[in-house]
Amino acid sequence: MKKRRRFSPRSKKQIIFFWALLRVVSFPALISAAAVTLDSIEILNIHEWIPSDPTIFFRCKGENRTILPDVREKEVKYTFKGVESWQPLTELRDVKCKRCGLYEKTVIRLEEEYDEWELCPSDFTGSDGRYVHSKDKEFTATFLCSECASLAKGSKTASSDEQSDRSSRVEDDSDETPVAAAIVVVVILCVGFMILGSIWFHRWWRMRKRRQQQARFMKLFEDADEMDDELGIGPLSIANTL
């Protein structure tokens, strides 16, 4: 009879840790990615001179091109369901824009540009998540991104939070300004009192030194007079002799 292998508590903790790490890494990517599909398009101009079916494709910078196989004639509006094999055209993550464009493959040039523009989540402002982009005498296209509205809303919330943080920082700075000014005033007053005190002490010390010197000279004179009197050459001794 074979014994069933049991997981140790340490192994269970490792499995739970890796599962939580996988959730943390993959969950933001699932939320922040919004698929952009082509809802309709009408080509108004064909750049290919040779009579043949045109090859129209959509491409974002750094990504592979997406050929629109059903678009063959100009001035015909093509509508799509968004579930075609070549859909979606691209994905927008977070609030960052992409440089995208619509092109035509020709014989002379590998690609003829219809238009190139910045595709952003904030462009899909319609209630149904639609965004219309057109260029005069070239094309008119409608793109669909139902999840871009939530991305744009998140960006507005983040910007409002950032503005509130900035305003709170400004208020904190304004509150700290009077305190800093009071500290500067106190420091200036302390320095001024120290300077005045040092000047007063210097003058007092010079006056005291001068008085000590005067007292020393007076004492020397008195000692000299006493010695003259003892020797009999002082004025008092001469007066007594006379």
Protein backbone atom coordinates (compact mmCIF):
# COMPACT_ATOMS: atom_id res chain seq x y z
CA MET A 1 0.00 0.00 0.00
CA LYS A 2 1.48 3.33 -1.08
CA LYS A 3 1.60 6.18 1.33
CA ARG A 4 0.08 9.44 0.24
CA ARG A 5 2.56 12.28 0.12
CA ARG A 6 1.58 15.24 2.23
CA PHE A 7 2.65 18.79 1.71
CA SER A 8 4.61 20.28 4.53
CA PRO A 9 3.46 23.60 6.01
CA ARG A 10 6.47 25.25 4.42
CA SER A 11 5.51 23.97 0.95
CA LYS A 12 1.95 25.22 1.41
CA LYS A 13 3.24 28.68 2.34
CA GLN A 14 5.45 28.76 -0.75
CA ILE A 15 2.53 27.78 -3.01
CA ILE A 16 0.32 30.48 -1.48
CA PHE A 17 3.10 33.06 -1.84
CA PHE A 18 3.71 32.30 -5.53
CA TRP A 19 -0.04 32.30 -6.23
CA ALA A 20 -0.43 35.72 -4.58
CA LEU A 21 2.60 37.04 -6.47
CA LEU A 22 1.11 35.84 -9.75
CA ARG A 23 -2.16 37.60 -8.95
CA VAL A 24 -0.35 40.85 -8.12
CA VAL A 25 1.72 40.76 -11.31
CA SER A 26 -1.03 39.74 -13.74
CA PHE A 27 -4.08 41.52 -12.27
CA PRO A 28 -3.03 45.14 -13.07
CA ALA A 29 -2.20 44.12 -16.65
CA LEU A 30 -5.65 42.62 -17.11
CA ILE A 31 -7.36 45.74 -15.82
CA SER A 32 -5.20 48.38 -17.51
CA ALA A 33 -5.36 46.87 -21.05
CA ALA A 34 -8.21 48.14 -23.23
CA ALA A 35 -8.83 46.64 -26.69
CA VAL A 36 -9.42 49.01 -29.61
CA THR A 37 -11.49 47.62 -32.51
CA LEU A 38 -12.52 49.06 -35.86
CA ASP A 39 -16.26 49.74 -35.98
CA SER A 40 -16.53 51.23 -39.48
CA ILE A 41 -14.38 52.78 -42.20
CA GLU A 42 -14.88 54.55 -45.51
CA ILE A 43 -11.96 55.10 -47.87
CA LEU A 44 -12.33 58.24 -49.99
CA ASN A 45 -9.12 57.96 -52.00
CA ILE A 46 -7.00 55.16 -53.49
CA HIS A 47 -3.29 55.91 -53.94
CA GLU A 48 -2.46 52.92 -56.11
CA TRP A 49 -2.16 53.89 -59.79
CA ILE A 50 -2.24 50.34 -61.13
CA PRO A 51 -5.82 49.03 -61.33
CA SER A 52 -6.01 46.43 -58.58
CA ASP A 53 -7.56 45.83 -55.20
CA PRO A 54 -5.93 48.11 -52.61
CA THR A 55 -4.26 46.78 -49.49
CA ILE A 56 -5.25 48.92 -46.52
CA PHE A 57 -3.68 48.33 -43.12
CA PHE A 58 -3.58 49.87 -39.65
CA ARG A 59 -0.43 50.00 -37.54
CA CYS A 60 0.82 51.52 -34.30
CA LYS A 61 4.47 52.39 -33.75
CA GLY A 62 6.47 49.37 -32.62
CA GLU A 63 3.67 46.90 -33.45
CA ASN A 64 2.78 44.65 -36.36
CA ARG A 65 0.47 45.96 -39.05
CA THR A 66 -3.14 44.81 -39.23
CA ILE A 67 -4.41 44.37 -42.80
CA LEU A 68 -8.08 45.17 -43.44
CA PRO A 69 -8.91 42.40 -45.94
CA ASP A 70 -12.51 43.45 -46.59
CA VAL A 71 -11.77 47.06 -47.55
CA ARG A 72 -11.46 46.99 -51.34
CA GLU A 73 -13.39 49.93 -52.79
CA LYS A 74 -13.47 53.63 -52.12
CA GLU A 75 -16.54 55.60 -51.12
CA VAL A 76 -18.05 52.48 -49.57
CA LYS A 77 -18.72 52.32 -45.85
CA TYR A 78 -17.60 49.05 -44.28
CA THR A 79 -18.91 48.08 -40.86
CA PHE A 80 -17.51 45.42 -38.55
CA LYS A 81 -18.64 43.49 -35.50
CA GLY A 82 -15.34 43.63 -33.61
CA VAL A 83 -14.94 39.83 -33.53
CA GLU A 84 -13.16 39.42 -36.86
CA SER A 85 -9.98 37.37 -36.94
CA TRP A 86 -7.80 40.46 -37.38
CA GLN A 87 -9.45 42.35 -34.51
CA PRO A 88 -8.55 44.09 -32.23
CA LEU A 89 -6.35 46.64 -33.94
CA THR A 90 -4.32 47.44 -30.81
CA GLU A 91 -4.52 47.71 -27.02
CA LEU A 92 -4.18 50.81 -24.89
CA ARG A 93 -2.68 50.45 -21.43
CA ASP A 94 -3.21 52.85 -18.57
CA VAL A 95 -3.55 56.41 -19.92
CA LYS A 96 -0.61 56.37 -22.32
CA CYS A 97 -1.19 57.27 -25.98
CA LYS A 98 0.11 55.43 -29.03
CA ARG A 99 1.32 56.76 -32.35
CA CYS A 100 -0.90 54.99 -34.89
CA GLY A 101 -1.89 55.44 -38.51
CA LEU A 102 -3.78 54.15 -41.53
CA TYR A 103 -1.73 53.21 -44.60
CA GLU A 104 -2.05 51.75 -48.09
CA LYS A 105 0.44 49.32 -49.60
CA THR A 106 1.38 50.33 -53.15
CA VAL A 107 3.72 49.00 -55.82
CA ILE A 108 5.92 52.09 -56.01
CA ARG A 109 6.03 52.72 -52.28
CA LEU A 110 5.75 50.05 -49.61
CA GLU A 111 3.29 52.19 -47.69
CA GLU A 112 1.35 55.32 -48.54
CA GLU A 113 0.19 57.24 -45.51
CA TYR A 114 -3.44 58.19 -45.18
CA ASP A 115 -2.94 59.77 -41.77
CA GLU A 116 -0.90 59.29 -38.61
CA TRP A 117 -2.00 60.52 -35.19
CA GLU A 118 -1.87 60.00 -31.43
CA LEU A 119 -4.45 57.46 -30.30
CA CYS A 120 -5.34 58.04 -26.64
CA PRO A 121 -7.89 56.54 -24.23
CA SER A 122 -9.27 60.03 -23.65
CA ASP A 123 -10.36 60.21 -27.33
CA PHE A 124 -13.17 57.73 -26.70
CA THR A 125 -15.49 60.24 -25.10
CA GLY A 126 -18.76 58.82 -26.40
CA SER A 127 -21.14 57.03 -24.07
CA ASP A 128 -20.74 53.86 -26.15
CA GLY A 129 -16.94 54.17 -26.29
CA ARG A 130 -16.75 55.29 -29.93
CA TYR A 131 -14.21 57.65 -31.47
CA VAL A 132 -14.41 59.06 -35.01
CA HIS A 133 -11.22 60.05 -36.83
CA SER A 134 -11.18 61.44 -40.35
CA LYS A 135 -8.96 63.23 -42.83
CA ASP A 136 -10.31 65.40 -45.61
CA LYS A 137 -10.55 63.57 -48.95
CA GLU A 138 -8.79 60.52 -47.50
CA PHE A 139 -10.91 58.45 -45.10
CA THR A 140 -13.36 58.40 -42.19
CA ALA A 141 -13.07 55.71 -39.52
CA THR A 142 -14.92 54.92 -36.30
CA PHE A 143 -13.04 53.10 -33.55
CA LEU A 144 -14.56 51.36 -30.55
CA CYS A 145 -13.05 50.97 -27.09
CA SER A 146 -15.57 50.27 -24.35
CA GLU A 147 -12.91 50.00 -21.65
CA CYS A 148 -11.12 53.26 -22.49
CA ALA A 149 -13.69 55.32 -20.58
CA SER A 150 -12.64 53.66 -17.33
CA LEU A 151 -8.97 54.35 -18.13
CA ALA A 152 -9.71 58.02 -18.84
CA LYS A 153 -11.77 58.24 -15.65
CA GLY A 154 -8.89 56.73 -13.71
CA SER A 155 -6.51 59.29 -15.20
CA LYS A 156 -8.84 62.14 -14.19
CA THR A 157 -9.06 60.72 -10.67
CA ALA A 158 -5.30 60.41 -10.50
CA SER A 159 -4.85 63.98 -11.76
CA SER A 160 -7.38 65.29 -9.24
CA ASP A 161 -5.60 63.39 -6.47
CA GLU A 162 -2.31 64.87 -7.63
CA GLN A 163 -3.80 68.37 -7.64
CA SER A 164 -5.18 67.85 -4.14
CA ASP A 165 -1.76 66.64 -3.00
CA ARG A 166 -0.16 69.72 -4.52
CA SER A 167 -2.71 72.02 -2.87
CA SER A 168 -2.15 70.31 0.48
CA ARG A 169 1.59 70.76 0.02
CA VAL A 170 1.04 74.45 -0.75
CA GLU A 171 -1.09 74.80 2.38
CA ASP A 172 1.58 73.06 4.44
CA ASP A 173 4.21 75.39 3.00
CA SER A 174 2.02 78.42 3.76
CA ASP A 175 1.56 77.18 7.34
CA GLU A 176 5.30 76.71 7.73
CA THR A 177 6.12 80.18 6.36
CA PRO A 178 5.16 82.17 9.53
CA VAL A 179 7.06 79.72 11.72
CA ALA A 180 10.15 80.07 9.56
CA ALA A 181 9.84 83.87 9.63
CA ALA A 182 9.54 83.85 13.43
CA ILE A 183 12.64 81.66 13.70
CA VAL A 184 14.58 84.04 11.46
CA VAL A 185 13.50 87.05 13.58
CA VAL A 186 14.52 85.29 16.80
CA VAL A 187 17.92 84.39 15.35
CA ILE A 188 18.50 87.98 14.20
CA LEU A 189 17.56 89.33 17.64
CA CYS A 190 19.87 86.86 19.37
CA VAL A 191 22.75 87.81 17.09
CA GLY A 192 22.06 91.52 17.68
CA PHE A 193 22.02 91.06 21.47
CA MET A 194 25.28 89.13 21.29
CA ILE A 195 26.92 91.91 19.28
CA LEU A 196 25.68 94.62 21.67
CA GLY A 197 26.77 92.55 24.67
CA SER A 198 30.25 92.05 23.26
CA ILE A 199 30.60 95.80 22.57
CA TRP A 200 29.46 96.68 26.11
CA PHE A 201 31.82 94.10 27.65
CA HIS A 202 34.75 95.42 25.60
CA ARG A 203 34.11 98.99 26.73
CA TRP A 204 33.67 97.92 30.37
CA TRP A 205 36.90 95.92 30.25
CA ARG A 206 38.87 98.90 28.82
CA MET A 207 37.41 101.23 31.47
CA ARG A 208 38.30 98.80 34.23
CA LYS A 209 41.81 98.39 32.88
CA ARG A 210 42.24 102.17 32.72
CA ARG A 211 41.10 102.53 36.34
CA GLN A 212 43.47 99.80 37.46
CA GLN A 213 46.36 101.57 35.72
CA GLN A 214 45.43 104.88 37.34
CA ALA A 215 45.23 103.23 40.75
CA ARG A 216 48.62 101.60 40.17
CA PHE A 217 50.21 104.95 39.23
CA MET A 218 48.71 106.66 42.28
CA LYS A 219 50.06 103.94 44.49
CA LEU A 220 53.51 104.31 42.95
CA PHE A 221 53.47 108.05 43.61
CA GLU A 222 52.39 107.52 47.21
CA ASP A 223 55.14 104.95 47.75
CA ALA A 224 57.70 107.36 46.25
CA ASP A 225 56.60 110.16 48.60
CA GLU A 226 56.88 107.86 51.62
CA MET A 227 60.41 106.87 50.61
CA ASP A 228 61.42 110.53 50.20
CA ASP A 229 60.08 111.32 53.63
CA GLU A 230 61.98 108.43 55.13
CA LEU A 231 65.19 109.60 53.47
CA GLY A 232 64.59 113.17 54.56
CA ILE A 233 64.44 114.62 51.11
CA GLY A 234 60.75 114.98 50.89
CA PRO A 235 58.94 118.28 51.22
CA LEU A 236 57.77 117.49 54.74
CA SER A 237 61.32 116.76 55.94
CA ILE A 238 62.67 119.99 54.43
CA ALA A 239 59.91 122.01 56.10
CA ASN A 240 60.68 120.51 59.51
CA THR A 241 64.38 121.26 59.09
CA LEU A 242 63.73 124.88 58.36
